[in-house]
Amino acid sequence: MTDLPTPRVVAVSRDQTHRFSKVPVDQIQLIAGLGIVGDAHAGTLVQHRSRVRRDPNQPNLRQVHLLHAELFDEARAMGYVLSPGDLGENILTAGIDLLGLPTGTLLHLGDAVVRLTGLRNPCAQINDFRPGLIKVVLTTQDGTPREEPAPSTASPEAASARVVRKAGVMAVVEHSGEVRPGQPISVRLPDGQHRPLQPV
């Protein structure tokens, strides 16, 4: 019997401007209720430009974007070489099934704690970054890659669409702290009935 890998932080990234990719750094500082210092998506209210246009007074449920490094292996098998920060994630993880965790899960990353709010919904920008890359992060429930983006999270069919979103999870900061590559990740599941992550 082989030991399972310890869940850990592989890389951290941030960017002060709204670009698709983020810049890898040595460490990021998470601030409770706000997000990541020096990142364009930090704030108590929604910061993603498309959501700001719809309603600038929505709470920011997307302060931190986490992505599993195992997706990079899937991408490589399909002919795409990806590096930390390429897909706009703040925290690249390994050894943890982020997509299988329920809504409200707490992830302890050193002193920092984040609470999972939902799935990232891959948009058309991913194909602008690398043509055809959408098929790596979006499949149908039977595993068939999709060639077009999923419905917008603003549309009623987004939650019920029979697609599997693999572009990571979104979270809010519950407890401030510094996050660096190599730190272990511990998981605390929410009390009560578990709800699967939905697009946010």
Protein backbone atom coordinates (compact mmCIF):
# COMPACT_ATOMS: atom_id res chain seq x y z
CA MET A 1 0.00 0.00 0.00
CA THR A 2 1.42 3.39 -1.00
CA ASP A 3 1.09 6.52 1.09
CA LEU A 4 -1.06 9.27 -0.34
CA PRO A 5 0.78 12.54 -0.97
CA THR A 6 0.38 15.22 1.68
CA PRO A 7 -1.83 18.02 0.35
CA ARG A 8 0.38 21.04 -0.21
CA VAL A 9 0.79 24.41 -1.87
CA VAL A 10 2.81 24.12 -5.09
CA ALA A 11 2.92 27.78 -6.16
CA VAL A 12 1.30 31.15 -5.42
CA SER A 13 0.54 33.97 -7.86
CA ARG A 14 -1.08 37.39 -7.97
CA ASP A 15 -1.52 40.34 -10.35
CA GLN A 16 -2.48 43.95 -9.68
CA THR A 17 -4.27 44.26 -13.02
CA HIS A 18 -7.15 42.35 -14.61
CA ARG A 19 -5.36 39.93 -16.91
CA PHE A 20 -6.09 36.29 -17.65
CA SER A 21 -2.85 34.98 -16.14
CA LYS A 22 -1.19 35.90 -12.85
CA VAL A 23 2.47 36.32 -11.89
CA PRO A 24 4.12 33.66 -9.67
CA VAL A 25 5.64 35.12 -6.49
CA ASP A 26 7.49 33.80 -3.41
CA GLN A 27 4.54 34.40 -1.08
CA ILE A 28 1.10 35.99 -0.91
CA GLN A 29 -0.58 37.72 2.01
CA LEU A 30 -4.24 36.87 2.58
CA ILE A 31 -6.45 39.34 4.47
CA ALA A 32 -9.70 38.16 6.07
CA GLY A 33 -12.76 39.40 4.22
CA LEU A 34 -10.73 41.04 1.43
CA GLY A 35 -8.53 38.58 -0.42
CA ILE A 36 -4.90 38.82 -1.50
CA VAL A 37 -2.80 41.94 -1.00
CA GLY A 38 -1.75 43.31 -4.40
CA ASP A 39 -4.26 41.25 -6.41
CA ALA A 40 -6.86 42.81 -8.71
CA HIS A 41 -9.61 40.54 -7.36
CA ALA A 42 -9.26 41.58 -3.70
CA GLY A 43 -12.23 43.34 -2.13
CA THR A 44 -15.40 42.80 -0.13
CA LEU A 45 -17.56 43.46 -3.22
CA VAL A 46 -17.31 41.68 -6.56
CA GLN A 47 -14.18 42.58 -8.58
CA HIS A 48 -14.56 40.45 -11.73
CA ARG A 49 -15.34 42.93 -14.48
CA SER A 50 -18.26 41.06 -16.06
CA ARG A 51 -19.94 40.71 -12.68
CA VAL A 52 -19.27 44.35 -11.76
CA ARG A 53 -21.13 45.39 -14.93
CA ARG A 54 -24.15 43.30 -13.91
CA ASP A 55 -24.24 44.33 -10.23
CA PRO A 56 -21.29 46.07 -8.51
CA ASN A 57 -22.86 45.52 -5.08
CA GLN A 58 -22.63 41.70 -5.07
CA PRO A 59 -20.46 40.17 -2.34
CA ASN A 60 -17.08 39.02 -3.61
CA LEU A 61 -17.23 35.21 -3.51
CA ARG A 62 -14.13 34.96 -5.71
CA GLN A 63 -11.37 36.51 -3.58
CA VAL A 64 -9.02 33.53 -4.05
CA HIS A 65 -8.76 31.12 -6.97
CA LEU A 66 -7.31 27.68 -6.20
CA LEU A 67 -6.34 25.16 -8.87
CA HIS A 68 -5.10 21.57 -8.65
CA ALA A 69 -1.69 20.98 -10.30
CA GLU A 70 -2.90 17.57 -11.47
CA LEU A 71 -4.85 19.44 -14.17
CA PHE A 72 -1.49 20.40 -15.71
CA ASP A 73 -0.77 16.70 -16.25
CA GLU A 74 -4.11 16.31 -18.04
CA ALA A 75 -3.32 19.37 -20.15
CA ARG A 76 0.12 18.02 -21.07
CA ALA A 77 -1.46 14.74 -22.21
CA MET A 78 -3.65 16.83 -24.55
CA GLY A 79 -0.72 18.84 -25.93
CA TYR A 80 -0.79 21.92 -23.67
CA VAL A 81 2.12 22.86 -21.41
CA LEU A 82 1.01 25.08 -18.53
CA SER A 83 2.95 26.85 -15.78
CA PRO A 84 1.92 28.29 -12.39
CA GLY A 85 -0.29 31.36 -12.78
CA ASP A 86 -1.15 30.64 -16.42
CA LEU A 87 -4.82 29.93 -15.70
CA GLY A 88 -5.19 32.90 -13.37
CA GLU A 89 -5.02 30.89 -10.15
CA ASN A 90 -3.68 32.39 -6.94
CA ILE A 91 -2.85 29.08 -5.27
CA LEU A 92 -1.74 25.95 -7.11
CA THR A 93 -2.25 22.82 -5.01
CA ALA A 94 -1.26 19.17 -5.17
CA GLY A 95 -2.58 16.06 -3.45
CA ILE A 96 -6.09 17.35 -2.80
CA ASP A 97 -9.33 16.83 -4.76
CA LEU A 98 -10.47 20.45 -4.75
CA LEU A 99 -13.38 19.80 -7.13
CA GLY A 100 -14.79 17.05 -4.90
CA LEU A 101 -14.97 19.18 -1.75
CA PRO A 102 -18.32 20.56 -0.58
CA THR A 103 -19.33 24.21 -0.42
CA GLY A 104 -18.16 25.80 2.81
CA THR A 105 -15.06 23.60 3.23
CA LEU A 106 -12.27 25.36 5.14
CA LEU A 107 -8.73 24.98 3.84
CA HIS A 108 -5.93 25.79 6.29
CA LEU A 109 -2.86 27.08 4.44
CA GLY A 110 -0.32 27.86 7.16
CA ASP A 111 -2.00 30.50 9.35
CA ALA A 112 -4.38 31.53 6.55
CA VAL A 113 -7.82 29.94 6.20
CA VAL A 114 -10.06 30.13 3.14
CA ARG A 115 -13.67 28.98 2.74
CA LEU A 116 -14.71 27.42 -0.57
CA THR A 117 -17.61 29.23 -2.24
CA GLY A 118 -17.90 27.51 -5.62
CA LEU A 119 -16.43 26.43 -8.93
CA ARG A 120 -14.70 28.66 -11.43
CA ASN A 121 -16.72 28.71 -14.64
CA PRO A 122 -14.26 28.62 -17.58
CA CYS A 123 -14.99 31.40 -20.06
CA ALA A 124 -14.02 32.09 -23.67
CA GLN A 125 -10.84 33.89 -22.54
CA ILE A 126 -9.22 30.52 -21.99
CA ASN A 127 -9.27 29.89 -25.75
CA ASP A 128 -7.80 33.36 -26.32
CA PHE A 129 -4.90 32.35 -24.05
CA ARG A 130 -4.36 29.02 -25.85
CA PRO A 131 -6.65 28.04 -28.75
CA GLY A 132 -8.70 24.96 -27.87
CA LEU A 133 -7.66 24.92 -24.20
CA ILE A 134 -11.32 24.97 -23.12
CA LYS A 135 -11.52 21.23 -23.80
CA VAL A 136 -8.99 20.58 -21.01
CA VAL A 137 -11.02 22.37 -18.33
CA LEU A 138 -14.55 21.58 -19.49
CA THR A 139 -16.05 18.17 -20.27
CA THR A 140 -19.47 16.59 -20.39
CA GLN A 141 -20.45 14.22 -17.59
CA ASP A 142 -19.37 11.24 -19.68
CA GLY A 143 -15.85 12.70 -20.02
CA THR A 144 -16.17 14.04 -23.57
CA PRO A 145 -14.22 17.32 -23.95
CA ARG A 146 -16.31 20.38 -24.78
CA GLU A 147 -15.19 22.70 -27.53
CA GLU A 148 -17.20 25.72 -26.37
CA PRO A 149 -17.56 27.51 -23.01
CA ALA A 150 -20.24 26.57 -20.48
CA PRO A 151 -23.20 28.86 -19.87
CA SER A 152 -22.39 32.08 -18.02
CA THR A 153 -22.87 31.94 -14.25
CA ALA A 154 -25.45 34.72 -14.76
CA SER A 155 -27.66 32.40 -16.78
CA PRO A 156 -30.25 30.16 -15.08
CA GLU A 157 -28.93 27.06 -16.84
CA ALA A 158 -25.38 27.42 -15.47
CA ALA A 159 -25.94 25.36 -12.33
CA SER A 160 -27.94 22.64 -14.10
CA ALA A 161 -25.80 22.36 -17.25
CA ARG A 162 -24.45 18.83 -17.55
CA VAL A 163 -20.82 19.83 -17.75
CA VAL A 164 -17.84 19.16 -15.51
CA ARG A 165 -15.85 22.29 -14.71
CA LYS A 166 -12.20 21.56 -13.91
CA ALA A 167 -10.75 25.10 -13.84
CA GLY A 168 -10.46 25.21 -10.06
CA VAL A 169 -12.44 26.53 -7.13
CA MET A 170 -13.12 29.95 -5.67
CA ALA A 171 -12.87 30.96 -2.01
CA VAL A 172 -13.07 33.83 0.45
CA VAL A 173 -10.51 34.52 3.16
CA GLU A 174 -11.70 33.62 6.65
CA HIS A 175 -8.41 34.13 8.52
CA SER A 176 -5.44 36.26 7.49
CA GLY A 177 -1.98 34.81 6.92
CA GLU A 178 0.91 34.29 4.55
CA VAL A 179 0.86 31.47 2.00
CA ARG A 180 4.05 30.09 0.43
CA PRO A 181 4.93 27.14 -1.80
CA GLY A 182 5.58 23.95 0.16
CA GLN A 183 3.11 24.65 2.95
CA PRO A 184 0.84 21.74 3.88
CA ILE A 185 -2.92 22.09 3.40
CA SER A 186 -5.40 20.73 5.90
CA VAL A 187 -9.10 20.33 5.22
CA ARG A 188 -12.07 20.91 7.53
CA LEU A 189 -15.38 19.83 6.07
CA PRO A 190 -18.51 21.82 6.97
CA ASP A 191 -20.98 20.54 9.55
CA GLY A 192 -24.36 19.25 8.43
CA GLN A 193 -25.43 18.12 4.99
CA HIS A 194 -22.78 18.71 2.33
CA ARG A 195 -23.65 20.69 -0.81
CA PRO A 196 -21.58 20.17 -3.96
CA LEU A 197 -19.74 23.19 -5.32
CA GLN A 198 -21.66 25.14 -7.99
CA PRO A 199 -20.36 27.80 -10.40
CA VAL A 200 -19.89 31.25 -8.85
